[in-house]
Amino acid sequence: MNEVESYIAEFDGEQYKLLDYFYRLLVGEPGVTPKIRYNIPFYYRRSWVCYTNPRDGGIELAFLNGHLLSNEQGLLQARGRKMVKGVVFHRLADVPENALLEVIQEAFLLDEG
C-alpha cells in the first residue's frame, strides 16, 4: 500500500468512496504518480495537475491550473482562488462521470504543454 492508499484508508463512508474513486481514475491515466503533499493527495505527471481535499463534508477535486481549463461542463468553481478551480462532491452517485472525464483529459492535455 502506497502513501496515498494509506491516506485514503483513514476515511470511511462517502469520503472514502470518493477518494478511492478519484485515486483509481487518476492513476489509471498513463504516467500519473500520486503523492502526499501538504497532507493531501496530489496527482503528478509532468507537473502537479490536481489534488483531492476533504472539504465541506465532501471531497474537492481541484485542478492547479484550473483557470486555464475551458470549464465547458460548468463543474469547476474558483471559490476566491486565482489559479485553482475545483468541484466538491458529497456522494459518489452525484459525480457526473462523463463531464468529469472531459475535465480530467483537458487537464492532462494542458500538462503536456
PDB file of N, CA and C in Angstrom:
ATOM      1  N   MET A   1       0.855  -1.183   0.000  1.00  0.00           N
ATOM      2  CA  MET A   1       0.000   0.000   0.000  1.00  0.00           C
ATOM      3  C   MET A   1       0.895   1.238   0.000  1.00  0.00           C
ATOM      4  N   ASN A   2       0.667   2.132  -0.975  1.00  0.00           N
ATOM      5  CA  ASN A   2       1.475   3.350  -1.027  1.00  0.00           C
ATOM      6  C   ASN A   2       0.903   4.413  -0.086  1.00  0.00           C
ATOM      7  N   GLU A   3       1.570   5.557  -0.013  1.00  0.00           N
ATOM      8  CA  GLU A   3       1.174   6.585   0.950  1.00  0.00           C
ATOM      9  C   GLU A   3      -0.205   7.161   0.674  1.00  0.00           C
ATOM     10  N   VAL A   4      -0.595   7.251  -0.580  1.00  0.00           N
ATOM     11  CA  VAL A   4      -1.922   7.781  -0.908  1.00  0.00           C
ATOM     12  C   VAL A   4      -2.994   6.755  -0.556  1.00  0.00           C
ATOM     13  N   GLU A   5      -2.750   5.497  -0.836  1.00  0.00           N
ATOM     14  CA  GLU A   5      -3.702   4.448  -0.445  1.00  0.00           C
ATOM     15  C   GLU A   5      -3.864   4.404   1.073  1.00  0.00           C
ATOM     16  N   SER A   6      -2.783   4.590   1.816  1.00  0.00           N
ATOM     17  CA  SER A   6      -2.861   4.633   3.285  1.00  0.00           C
ATOM     18  C   SER A   6      -3.682   5.827   3.748  1.00  0.00           C
ATOM     19  N   TYR A   7      -3.497   6.964   3.109  1.00  0.00           N
ATOM     20  CA  TYR A   7      -4.272   8.164   3.430  1.00  0.00           C
ATOM     21  C   TYR A   7      -5.756   7.902   3.207  1.00  0.00           C
ATOM     22  N   ILE A   8      -6.100   7.338   2.054  1.00  0.00           N
ATOM     23  CA  ILE A   8      -7.496   7.073   1.709  1.00  0.00           C
ATOM     24  C   ILE A   8      -8.126   6.102   2.706  1.00  0.00           C
ATOM     25  N   ALA A   9      -7.365   5.112   3.152  1.00  0.00           N
ATOM     26  CA  ALA A   9      -7.875   4.096   4.075  1.00  0.00           C
ATOM     27  C   ALA A   9      -8.291   4.680   5.420  1.00  0.00           C
ATOM     28  N   GLU A  10      -7.838   5.888   5.732  1.00  0.00           N
ATOM     29  CA  GLU A  10      -8.203   6.529   7.000  1.00  0.00           C
ATOM     30  C   GLU A  10      -9.627   7.091   6.981  1.00  0.00           C
ATOM     31  N   PHE A  11     -10.249   7.148   5.815  1.00  0.00           N
ATOM     32  CA  PHE A  11     -11.591   7.709   5.674  1.00  0.00           C
ATOM     33  C   PHE A  11     -12.619   6.591   5.625  1.00  0.00           C
ATOM     34  N   ASP A  12     -13.868   6.967   5.782  1.00  0.00           N
ATOM     35  CA  ASP A  12     -14.944   5.992   5.642  1.00  0.00           C
ATOM     36  C   ASP A  12     -16.132   6.637   4.947  1.00  0.00           C
ATOM     37  N   GLY A  13     -17.139   5.840   4.689  1.00  0.00           N
ATOM     38  CA  GLY A  13     -18.357   6.345   4.078  1.00  0.00           C
ATOM     39  C   GLY A  13     -18.120   6.952   2.703  1.00  0.00           C
ATOM     40  N   GLU A  14     -18.877   7.988   2.418  1.00  0.00           N
ATOM     41  CA  GLU A  14     -18.817   8.630   1.102  1.00  0.00           C
ATOM     42  C   GLU A  14     -17.460   9.269   0.822  1.00  0.00           C
ATOM     43  N   GLN A  15     -16.803   9.817   1.852  1.00  0.00           N
ATOM     44  CA  GLN A  15     -15.489  10.414   1.606  1.00  0.00           C
ATOM     45  C   GLN A  15     -14.507   9.340   1.139  1.00  0.00           C
ATOM     46  N   TYR A  16     -14.547   8.167   1.768  1.00  0.00           N
ATOM     47  CA  TYR A  16     -13.683   7.070   1.325  1.00  0.00           C
ATOM     48  C   TYR A  16     -14.006   6.687  -0.111  1.00  0.00           C
ATOM     49  N   LYS A  17     -15.291   6.520  -0.423  1.00  0.00           N
ATOM     50  CA  LYS A  17     -15.699   6.126  -1.771  1.00  0.00           C
ATOM     51  C   LYS A  17     -15.218   7.134  -2.810  1.00  0.00           C
ATOM     52  N   LEU A  18     -15.362   8.415  -2.509  1.00  0.00           N
ATOM     53  CA  LEU A  18     -14.933   9.456  -3.443  1.00  0.00           C
ATOM     54  C   LEU A  18     -13.420   9.477  -3.617  1.00  0.00           C
ATOM     55  N   LEU A  19     -12.688   9.449  -2.508  1.00  0.00           N
ATOM     56  CA  LEU A  19     -11.224   9.459  -2.587  1.00  0.00           C
ATOM     57  C   LEU A  19     -10.710   8.258  -3.370  1.00  0.00           C
ATOM     58  N   ASP A  20     -11.283   7.084  -3.098  1.00  0.00           N
ATOM     59  CA  ASP A  20     -10.871   5.863  -3.782  1.00  0.00           C
ATOM     60  C   ASP A  20     -11.202   5.940  -5.278  1.00  0.00           C
ATOM     61  N   TYR A  21     -12.376   6.451  -5.599  1.00  0.00           N
ATOM     62  CA  TYR A  21     -12.792   6.598  -6.996  1.00  0.00           C
ATOM     63  C   TYR A  21     -11.842   7.529  -7.755  1.00  0.00           C
ATOM     64  N   PHE A  22     -11.564   8.703  -7.175  1.00  0.00           N
ATOM     65  CA  PHE A  22     -10.664   9.656  -7.834  1.00  0.00           C
ATOM     66  C   PHE A  22      -9.262   9.077  -7.972  1.00  0.00           C
ATOM     67  N   TYR A  23      -8.795   8.386  -6.933  1.00  0.00           N
ATOM     68  CA  TYR A  23      -7.469   7.766  -6.975  1.00  0.00           C
ATOM     69  C   TYR A  23      -7.380   6.792  -8.148  1.00  0.00           C
ATOM     70  N   ARG A  24      -8.334   5.877  -8.226  1.00  0.00           N
ATOM     71  CA  ARG A  24      -8.304   4.858  -9.283  1.00  0.00           C
ATOM     72  C   ARG A  24      -8.445   5.483 -10.680  1.00  0.00           C
ATOM     73  N   LEU A  25      -9.282   6.493 -10.775  1.00  0.00           N
ATOM     74  CA  LEU A  25      -9.479   7.189 -12.042  1.00  0.00           C
ATOM     75  C   LEU A  25      -8.195   7.873 -12.501  1.00  0.00           C
ATOM     76  N   LEU A  26      -7.543   8.574 -11.571  1.00  0.00           N
ATOM     77  CA  LEU A  26      -6.362   9.368 -11.929  1.00  0.00           C
ATOM     78  C   LEU A  26      -5.115   8.519 -12.155  1.00  0.00           C
ATOM     79  N   VAL A  27      -4.886   7.514 -11.317  1.00  0.00           N
ATOM     80  CA  VAL A  27      -3.688   6.688 -11.528  1.00  0.00           C
ATOM     81  C   VAL A  27      -3.857   5.755 -12.722  1.00  0.00           C
ATOM     82  N   GLY A  28      -5.082   5.642 -13.232  1.00  0.00           N
ATOM     83  CA  GLY A  28      -5.316   4.887 -14.448  1.00  0.00           C
ATOM     84  C   GLY A  28      -4.842   5.610 -15.698  1.00  0.00           C
ATOM     85  N   GLU A  29      -4.547   6.891 -15.561  1.00  0.00           N
ATOM     86  CA  GLU A  29      -4.011   7.680 -16.678  1.00  0.00           C
ATOM     87  C   GLU A  29      -2.515   7.381 -16.832  1.00  0.00           C
ATOM     88  N   PRO A  30      -2.037   7.262 -18.061  1.00  0.00           N
ATOM     89  CA  PRO A  30      -0.616   6.956 -18.277  1.00  0.00           C
ATOM     90  C   PRO A  30       0.316   7.982 -17.626  1.00  0.00           C
ATOM     91  N   GLY A  31       1.303   7.481 -16.905  1.00  0.00           N
ATOM     92  CA  GLY A  31       2.345   8.328 -16.347  1.00  0.00           C
ATOM     93  C   GLY A  31       1.971   9.127 -15.116  1.00  0.00           C
ATOM     94  N   VAL A  32       0.808   8.888 -14.527  1.00  0.00           N
ATOM     95  CA  VAL A  32       0.380   9.660 -13.349  1.00  0.00           C
ATOM     96  C   VAL A  32       0.944   9.040 -12.076  1.00  0.00           C
ATOM     97  N   THR A  33       1.521   9.888 -11.243  1.00  0.00           N
ATOM     98  CA  THR A  33       2.086   9.473  -9.963  1.00  0.00           C
ATOM     99  C   THR A  33       1.350  10.185  -8.834  1.00  0.00           C
ATOM    100  N   PRO A  34       0.803   9.434  -7.875  1.00  0.00           N
ATOM    101  CA  PRO A  34       0.171  10.066  -6.716  1.00  0.00           C
ATOM    102  C   PRO A  34       1.183  10.252  -5.595  1.00  0.00           C
ATOM    103  N   LYS A  35       1.098  11.371  -4.902  1.00  0.00           N
ATOM    104  CA  LYS A  35       1.978  11.634  -3.758  1.00  0.00           C
ATOM    105  C   LYS A  35       1.225  12.465  -2.733  1.00  0.00           C
ATOM    106  N   ILE A  36       1.575  12.278  -1.479  1.00  0.00           N
ATOM    107  CA  ILE A  36       1.016  13.122  -0.425  1.00  0.00           C
ATOM    108  C   ILE A  36       1.884  14.368  -0.324  1.00  0.00           C
ATOM    109  N   ARG A  37       1.257  15.520  -0.502  1.00  0.00           N
ATOM    110  CA  ARG A  37       1.916  16.814  -0.337  1.00  0.00           C
ATOM    111  C   ARG A  37       0.949  17.699   0.431  1.00  0.00           C
ATOM    112  N   TYR A  38       1.456  18.466   1.364  1.00  0.00           N
ATOM    113  CA  TYR A  38       0.612  19.345   2.175  1.00  0.00           C
ATOM    114  C   TYR A  38      -0.510  18.546   2.850  1.00  0.00           C
ATOM    115  N   ASN A  39      -0.198  17.296   3.194  1.00  0.00           N
ATOM    116  CA  ASN A  39      -1.105  16.390   3.908  1.00  0.00           C
ATOM    117  C   ASN A  39      -2.337  15.961   3.117  1.00  0.00           C
ATOM    118  N   ILE A  40      -2.315  16.088   1.796  1.00  0.00           N
ATOM    119  CA  ILE A  40      -3.409  15.617   0.946  1.00  0.00           C
ATOM    120  C   ILE A  40      -2.833  14.980  -0.318  1.00  0.00           C
ATOM    121  N   PRO A  41      -3.616  14.144  -1.027  1.00  0.00           N
ATOM    122  CA  PRO A  41      -3.114  13.514  -2.252  1.00  0.00           C
ATOM    123  C   PRO A  41      -3.048  14.491  -3.433  1.00  0.00           C
ATOM    124  N   PHE A  42      -1.886  14.540  -4.057  1.00  0.00           N
ATOM    125  CA  PHE A  42      -1.676  15.282  -5.298  1.00  0.00           C
ATOM    126  C   PHE A  42      -1.380  14.265  -6.395  1.00  0.00           C
ATOM    127  N   TYR A  43      -1.756  14.614  -7.618  1.00  0.00           N
ATOM    128  CA  TYR A  43      -1.537  13.737  -8.768  1.00  0.00           C
ATOM    129  C   TYR A  43      -0.682  14.478  -9.777  1.00  0.00           C
ATOM    130  N   TYR A  44       0.428  13.848 -10.146  1.00  0.00           N
ATOM    131  CA  TYR A  44       1.504  14.466 -10.907  1.00  0.00           C
ATOM    132  C   TYR A  44       1.744  13.689 -12.198  1.00  0.00           C
ATOM    133  N   ARG A  45       2.007  14.391 -13.266  1.00  0.00           N
ATOM    134  CA  ARG A  45       2.544  13.767 -14.477  1.00  0.00           C
ATOM    135  C   ARG A  45       3.801  14.547 -14.824  1.00  0.00           C
ATOM    136  N   ARG A  46       3.707  15.607 -15.605  1.00  0.00           N
ATOM    137  CA  ARG A  46       4.873  16.479 -15.832  1.00  0.00           C
ATOM    138  C   ARG A  46       4.951  17.523 -14.721  1.00  0.00           C
ATOM    139  N   SER A  47       3.794  17.923 -14.214  1.00  0.00           N
ATOM    140  CA  SER A  47       3.704  18.877 -13.105  1.00  0.00           C
ATOM    141  C   SER A  47       2.521  18.448 -12.235  1.00  0.00           C
ATOM    142  N   TRP A  48       2.285  19.170 -11.149  1.00  0.00           N
ATOM    143  CA  TRP A  48       1.135  18.854 -10.303  1.00  0.00           C
ATOM    144  C   TRP A  48      -0.126  19.247 -11.063  1.00  0.00           C
ATOM    145  N   VAL A  49      -0.968  18.281 -11.359  1.00  0.00           N
ATOM    146  CA  VAL A  49      -2.168  18.508 -12.163  1.00  0.00           C
ATOM    147  C   VAL A  49      -3.381  18.781 -11.289  1.00  0.00           C
ATOM    148  N   CYS A  50      -3.579  17.940 -10.270  1.00  0.00           N
ATOM    149  CA  CYS A  50      -4.762  18.093  -9.433  1.00  0.00           C
ATOM    150  C   CYS A  50      -4.518  17.489  -8.057  1.00  0.00           C
ATOM    151  N   TYR A  51      -5.464  17.732  -7.168  1.00  0.00           N
ATOM    152  CA  TYR A  51      -5.405  17.138  -5.834  1.00  0.00           C
ATOM    153  C   TYR A  51      -6.812  16.882  -5.344  1.00  0.00           C
ATOM    154  N   THR A  52      -6.905  16.000  -4.339  1.00  0.00           N
ATOM    155  CA  THR A  52      -8.182  15.757  -3.674  1.00  0.00           C
ATOM    156  C   THR A  52      -8.048  16.236  -2.237  1.00  0.00           C
ATOM    157  N   ASN A  53      -9.112  16.883  -1.752  1.00  0.00           N
ATOM    158  CA  ASN A  53      -9.046  17.511  -0.438  1.00  0.00           C
ATOM    159  C   ASN A  53     -10.394  17.387   0.263  1.00  0.00           C
ATOM    160  N   PRO A  54     -10.421  16.824   1.482  1.00  0.00           N
ATOM    161  CA  PRO A  54     -11.668  16.811   2.241  1.00  0.00           C
ATOM    162  C   PRO A  54     -12.112  18.250   2.499  1.00  0.00           C
ATOM    163  N   ARG A  55     -13.381  18.544   2.151  1.00  0.00           N
ATOM    164  CA  ARG A  55     -13.866  19.916   2.276  1.00  0.00           C
ATOM    165  C   ARG A  55     -15.388  19.910   2.382  1.00  0.00           C
ATOM    166  N   ASP A  56     -15.906  20.687   3.292  1.00  0.00           N
ATOM    167  CA  ASP A  56     -17.352  20.874   3.427  1.00  0.00           C
ATOM    168  C   ASP A  56     -18.100  19.547   3.555  1.00  0.00           C
ATOM    169  N   GLY A  57     -17.516  18.576   4.241  1.00  0.00           N
ATOM    170  CA  GLY A  57     -18.154  17.281   4.425  1.00  0.00           C
ATOM    171  C   GLY A  57     -18.085  16.380   3.206  1.00  0.00           C
ATOM    172  N   GLY A  58     -17.415  16.830   2.142  1.00  0.00           N
ATOM    173  CA  GLY A  58     -17.256  16.027   0.935  1.00  0.00           C
ATOM    174  C   GLY A  58     -15.792  15.979   0.548  1.00  0.00           C
ATOM    175  N   ILE A  59     -15.552  15.775  -0.723  1.00  0.00           N
ATOM    176  CA  ILE A  59     -14.187  15.764  -1.258  1.00  0.00           C
ATOM    177  C   ILE A  59     -14.136  16.720  -2.442  1.00  0.00           C
ATOM    178  N   GLU A  60     -13.156  17.628  -2.422  1.00  0.00           N
ATOM    179  CA  GLU A  60     -12.949  18.516  -3.558  1.00  0.00           C
ATOM    180  C   GLU A  60     -11.886  17.914  -4.461  1.00  0.00           C
ATOM    181  N   LEU A  61     -12.185  17.858  -5.749  1.00  0.00           N
ATOM    182  CA  LEU A  61     -11.190  17.547  -6.767  1.00  0.00           C
ATOM    183  C   LEU A  61     -10.824  18.882  -7.382  1.00  0.00           C
ATOM    184  N   ALA A  62      -9.580  19.314  -7.182  1.00  0.00           N
ATOM    185  CA  ALA A  62      -9.151  20.650  -7.603  1.00  0.00           C
ATOM    186  C   ALA A  62      -7.997  20.543  -8.588  1.00  0.00           C
ATOM    187  N   PHE A  63      -8.007  21.430  -9.556  1.00  0.00           N
ATOM    188  CA  PHE A  63      -7.000  21.465 -10.613  1.00  0.00           C
ATOM    189  C   PHE A  63      -6.139  22.706 -10.435  1.00  0.00           C
ATOM    190  N   LEU A  64      -4.814  22.498 -10.340  1.00  0.00           N
ATOM    191  CA  LEU A  64      -3.911  23.599 -10.040  1.00  0.00           C
ATOM    192  C   LEU A  64      -3.912  24.674 -11.111  1.00  0.00           C
ATOM    193  N   ASN A  65      -4.101  24.304 -12.360  1.00  0.00           N
ATOM    194  CA  ASN A  65      -4.202  25.282 -13.447  1.00  0.00           C
ATOM    195  C   ASN A  65      -5.647  25.369 -13.951  1.00  0.00           C
ATOM    196  N   GLY A  66      -6.575  25.311 -13.039  1.00  0.00           N
ATOM    197  CA  GLY A  66      -7.987  25.346 -13.370  1.00  0.00           C
ATOM    198  C   GLY A  66      -8.397  26.590 -14.133  1.00  0.00           C
ATOM    199  N   HIS A  67      -7.690  27.690 -13.877  1.00  0.00           N
ATOM    200  CA  HIS A  67      -8.014  28.938 -14.583  1.00  0.00           C
ATOM    201  C   HIS A  67      -7.741  28.841 -16.081  1.00  0.00           C
ATOM    202  N   LEU A  68      -6.939  27.859 -16.503  1.00  0.00           N
ATOM    203  CA  LEU A  68      -6.631  27.670 -17.914  1.00  0.00           C
ATOM    204  C   LEU A  68      -7.556  26.658 -18.596  1.00  0.00           C
ATOM    205  N   LEU A  69      -8.381  25.975 -17.822  1.00  0.00           N
ATOM    206  CA  LEU A  69      -9.292  24.981 -18.380  1.00  0.00           C
ATOM    207  C   LEU A  69     -10.541  25.667 -18.921  1.00  0.00           C
ATOM    208  N   SER A  70     -11.140  25.085 -19.951  1.00  0.00           N
ATOM    209  CA  SER A  70     -12.308  25.702 -20.589  1.00  0.00           C
ATOM    210  C   SER A  70     -13.533  25.701 -19.678  1.00  0.00           C
ATOM    211  N   ASN A  71     -13.668  24.690 -18.836  1.00  0.00           N
ATOM    212  CA  ASN A  71     -14.817  24.519 -17.944  1.00  0.00           C
ATOM    213  C   ASN A  71     -16.143  24.550 -18.710  1.00  0.00           C
ATOM    214  N   GLU A  72     -16.131  24.004 -19.906  1.00  0.00           N
ATOM    215  CA  GLU A  72     -17.352  23.925 -20.722  1.00  0.00           C
ATOM    216  C   GLU A  72     -18.452  23.150 -20.003  1.00  0.00           C
ATOM    217  N   GLN A  73     -18.069  22.250 -19.124  1.00  0.00           N
ATOM    218  CA  GLN A  73     -19.021  21.422 -18.391  1.00  0.00           C
ATOM    219  C   GLN A  73     -19.682  22.189 -17.242  1.00  0.00           C
ATOM    220  N   GLY A  74     -19.085  23.319 -16.859  1.00  0.00           N
ATOM    221  CA  GLY A  74     -19.623  24.129 -15.776  1.00  0.00           C
ATOM    222  C   GLY A  74     -19.435  23.525 -14.390  1.00  0.00           C
ATOM    223  N   LEU A  75     -18.501  22.601 -14.254  1.00  0.00           N
ATOM    224  CA  LEU A  75     -18.277  21.934 -12.965  1.00  0.00           C
ATOM    225  C   LEU A  75     -17.395  22.739 -12.008  1.00  0.00           C
ATOM    226  N   LEU A  76     -16.393  23.404 -12.548  1.00  0.00           N
ATOM    227  CA  LEU A  76     -15.335  23.980 -11.725  1.00  0.00           C
ATOM    228  C   LEU A  76     -15.705  25.348 -11.170  1.00  0.00           C
ATOM    229  N   GLN A  77     -15.301  25.560  -9.915  1.00  0.00           N
ATOM    230  CA  GLN A  77     -15.507  26.844  -9.242  1.00  0.00           C
ATOM    231  C   GLN A  77     -14.175  27.325  -8.680  1.00  0.00           C
ATOM    232  N   ALA A  78     -13.944  28.630  -8.770  1.00  0.00           N
ATOM    233  CA  ALA A  78     -12.697  29.206  -8.260  1.00  0.00           C
ATOM    234  C   ALA A  78     -12.733  29.361  -6.741  1.00  0.00           C
ATOM    235  N   ARG A  79     -13.877  29.637  -6.160  1.00  0.00           N
ATOM    236  CA  ARG A  79     -14.026  29.825  -4.714  1.00  0.00           C
ATOM    237  C   ARG A  79     -13.019  30.845  -4.169  1.00  0.00           C
ATOM    238  N   GLY A  80     -12.856  31.946  -4.889  1.00  0.00           N
ATOM    239  CA  GLY A  80     -11.967  33.008  -4.454  1.00  0.00           C
ATOM    240  C   GLY A  80     -10.504  32.801  -4.785  1.00  0.00           C
ATOM    241  N   ARG A  81     -10.172  31.736  -5.471  1.00  0.00           N
ATOM    242  CA  ARG A  81      -8.770  31.459  -5.833  1.00  0.00           C
ATOM    243  C   ARG A  81      -8.504  31.968  -7.236  1.00  0.00           C
ATOM    244  N   LYS A  82      -7.271  32.377  -7.493  1.00  0.00           N
ATOM    245  CA  LYS A  82      -6.926  32.941  -8.802  1.00  0.00           C
ATOM    246  C   LYS A  82      -6.590  31.863  -9.834  1.00  0.00           C
ATOM    247  N   MET A  83      -5.910  30.814  -9.441  1.00  0.00           N
ATOM    248  CA  MET A  83      -5.469  29.796 -10.394  1.00  0.00           C
ATOM    249  C   MET A  83      -6.227  28.479 -10.233  1.00  0.00           C
ATOM    250  N   VAL A  84      -6.404  28.044  -9.018  1.00  0.00           N
ATOM    251  CA  VAL A  84      -7.012  26.742  -8.740  1.00  0.00           C
ATOM    252  C   VAL A  84      -8.525  26.818  -8.905  1.00  0.00           C
ATOM    253  N   LYS A  85      -9.072  25.793  -9.567  1.00  0.00           N
ATOM    254  CA  LYS A  85     -10.522  25.628  -9.646  1.00  0.00           C
ATOM    255  C   LYS A  85     -10.840  24.181  -9.321  1.00  0.00           C
ATOM    256  N   GLY A  86     -11.967  23.969  -8.681  1.00  0.00           N
ATOM    257  CA  GLY A  86     -12.321  22.610  -8.312  1.00  0.00           C
ATOM    258  C   GLY A  86     -13.810  22.431  -8.172  1.00  0.00           C
ATOM    259  N   VAL A  87     -14.157  21.212  -7.816  1.00  0.00           N
ATOM    260  CA  VAL A  87     -15.555  20.851  -7.612  1.00  0.00           C
ATOM    261  C   VAL A  87     -15.630  19.946  -6.384  1.00  0.00           C
ATOM    262  N   VAL A  88     -16.625  20.201  -5.527  1.00  0.00           N
ATOM    263  CA  VAL A  88     -16.825  19.408  -4.314  1.00  0.00           C
ATOM    264  C   VAL A  88     -17.973  18.434  -4.549  1.00  0.00           C
ATOM    265  N   PHE A  89     -17.722  17.174  -4.230  1.00  0.00           N
ATOM    266  CA  PHE A  89     -18.758  16.150  -4.292  1.00  0.00           C
ATOM    267  C   PHE A  89     -18.993  15.607  -2.895  1.00  0.00           C
ATOM    268  N   HIS A  90     -20.248  15.306  -2.592  1.00  0.00           N
ATOM    269  CA  HIS A  90     -20.605  14.747  -1.288  1.00  0.00           C
ATOM    270  C   HIS A  90     -20.990  13.280  -1.375  1.00  0.00           C
ATOM    271  N   ARG A  91     -21.374  12.837  -2.557  1.00  0.00           N
ATOM    272  CA  ARG A  91     -21.757  11.442  -2.758  1.00  0.00           C
ATOM    273  C   ARG A  91     -21.218  10.962  -4.096  1.00  0.00           C
ATOM    274  N   LEU A  92     -20.719   9.752  -4.113  1.00  0.00           N
ATOM    275  CA  LEU A  92     -20.189   9.179  -5.349  1.00  0.00           C
ATOM    276  C   LEU A  92     -21.264   9.137  -6.433  1.00  0.00           C
ATOM    277  N   ALA A  93     -22.496   8.895  -6.041  1.00  0.00           N
ATOM    278  CA  ALA A  93     -23.599   8.819  -7.001  1.00  0.00           C
ATOM    279  C   ALA A  93     -23.838  10.148  -7.716  1.00  0.00           C
ATOM    280  N   ASP A  94     -23.356  11.255  -7.138  1.00  0.00           N
ATOM    281  CA  ASP A  94     -23.563  12.586  -7.730  1.00  0.00           C
ATOM    282  C   ASP A  94     -22.471  12.990  -8.725  1.00  0.00           C
ATOM    283  N   VAL A  95     -21.458  12.167  -8.903  1.00  0.00           N
ATOM    284  CA  VAL A  95     -20.348  12.503  -9.802  1.00  0.00           C
ATOM    285  C   VAL A  95     -20.800  12.313 -11.256  1.00  0.00           C
ATOM    286  N   PRO A  96     -20.782  13.390 -12.051  1.00  0.00           N
ATOM    287  CA  PRO A  96     -21.118  13.264 -13.479  1.00  0.00           C
ATOM    288  C   PRO A  96     -19.894  12.737 -14.232  1.00  0.00           C
ATOM    289  N   GLU A  97     -19.819  11.428 -14.344  1.00  0.00           N
ATOM    290  CA  GLU A  97     -18.597  10.776 -14.799  1.00  0.00           C
ATOM    291  C   GLU A  97     -18.100  11.276 -16.158  1.00  0.00           C
ATOM    292  N   ASN A  98     -18.977  11.369 -17.150  1.00  0.00           N
ATOM    293  CA  ASN A  98     -18.529  11.798 -18.477  1.00  0.00           C
ATOM    294  C   ASN A  98     -17.990  13.222 -18.464  1.00  0.00           C
ATOM    295  N   ALA A  99     -18.692  14.129 -17.809  1.00  0.00           N
ATOM    296  CA  ALA A  99     -18.236  15.524 -17.726  1.00  0.00           C
ATOM    297  C   ALA A  99     -16.910  15.610 -16.974  1.00  0.00           C
ATOM    298  N   LEU A 100     -16.786  14.843 -15.899  1.00  0.00           N
ATOM    299  CA  LEU A 100     -15.552  14.858 -15.116  1.00  0.00           C
ATOM    300  C   LEU A 100     -14.383  14.305 -15.931  1.00  0.00           C
ATOM    301  N   LEU A 101     -14.622  13.246 -16.678  1.00  0.00           N
ATOM    302  CA  LEU A 101     -13.562  12.684 -17.525  1.00  0.00           C
ATOM    303  C   LEU A 101     -13.087  13.699 -18.556  1.00  0.00           C
ATOM    304  N   GLU A 102     -14.000  14.502 -19.094  1.00  0.00           N
ATOM    305  CA  GLU A 102     -13.616  15.550 -20.045  1.00  0.00           C
ATOM    306  C   GLU A 102     -12.693  16.573 -19.387  1.00  0.00           C
ATOM    307  N   VAL A 103     -13.023  16.985 -18.168  1.00  0.00           N
ATOM    308  CA  VAL A 103     -12.197  17.959 -17.442  1.00  0.00           C
ATOM    309  C   VAL A 103     -10.815  17.366 -17.168  1.00  0.00           C
ATOM    310  N   ILE A 104     -10.789  16.116 -16.722  1.00  0.00           N
ATOM    311  CA  ILE A 104      -9.513  15.454 -16.405  1.00  0.00           C
ATOM    312  C   ILE A 104      -8.652  15.327 -17.661  1.00  0.00           C
ATOM    313  N   GLN A 105      -9.252  14.921 -18.768  1.00  0.00           N
ATOM    314  CA  GLN A 105      -8.493  14.793 -20.015  1.00  0.00           C
ATOM    315  C   GLN A 105      -7.920  16.144 -20.449  1.00  0.00           C
ATOM    316  N   GLU A 106      -8.730  17.196 -20.331  1.00  0.00           N
ATOM    317  CA  GLU A 106      -8.249  18.530 -20.703  1.00  0.00           C
ATOM    318  C   GLU A 106      -7.085  18.956 -19.804  1.00  0.00           C
ATOM    319  N   ALA A 107      -7.189  18.646 -18.512  1.00  0.00           N
ATOM    320  CA  ALA A 107      -6.118  18.998 -17.572  1.00  0.00           C
ATOM    321  C   ALA A 107      -4.814  18.272 -17.919  1.00  0.00           C
ATOM    322  N   PHE A 108      -4.899  16.999 -18.299  1.00  0.00           N
ATOM    323  CA  PHE A 108      -3.693  16.273 -18.658  1.00  0.00           C
ATOM    324  C   PHE A 108      -3.129  16.738 -20.008  1.00  0.00           C
ATOM    325  N   LEU A 109      -4.000  17.118 -20.933  1.00  0.00           N
ATOM    326  CA  LEU A 109      -3.519  17.705 -22.207  1.00  0.00           C
ATOM    327  C   LEU A 109      -2.780  19.013 -21.940  1.00  0.00           C
ATOM    328  N   LEU A 110      -3.320  19.837 -21.074  1.00  0.00           N
ATOM    329  CA  LEU A 110      -2.678  21.093 -20.701  1.00  0.00           C
ATOM    330  C   LEU A 110      -1.309  20.825 -20.070  1.00  0.00           C
ATOM    331  N   ASP A 111      -1.230  19.775 -19.260  1.00  0.00           N
ATOM    332  CA  ASP A 111       0.019  19.421 -18.590  1.00  0.00           C
ATOM    333  C   ASP A 111       1.101  18.991 -19.586  1.00  0.00           C
ATOM    334  N   GLU A 112       0.683  18.459 -20.716  1.00  0.00           N
ATOM    335  CA  GLU A 112       1.648  18.026 -21.727  1.00  0.00           C
ATOM    336  C   GLU A 112       2.341  19.194 -22.420  1.00  0.00           C
ATOM    337  N   GLY A 113       1.774  20.376 -22.249  1.00  0.00           N
ATOM    338  CA  GLY A 113       2.420  21.561 -22.789  1.00  0.00           C
ATOM    339  C   GLY A 113       1.873  21.930 -24.098  1.00  0.00           C
TER     340      GLY A 113
END
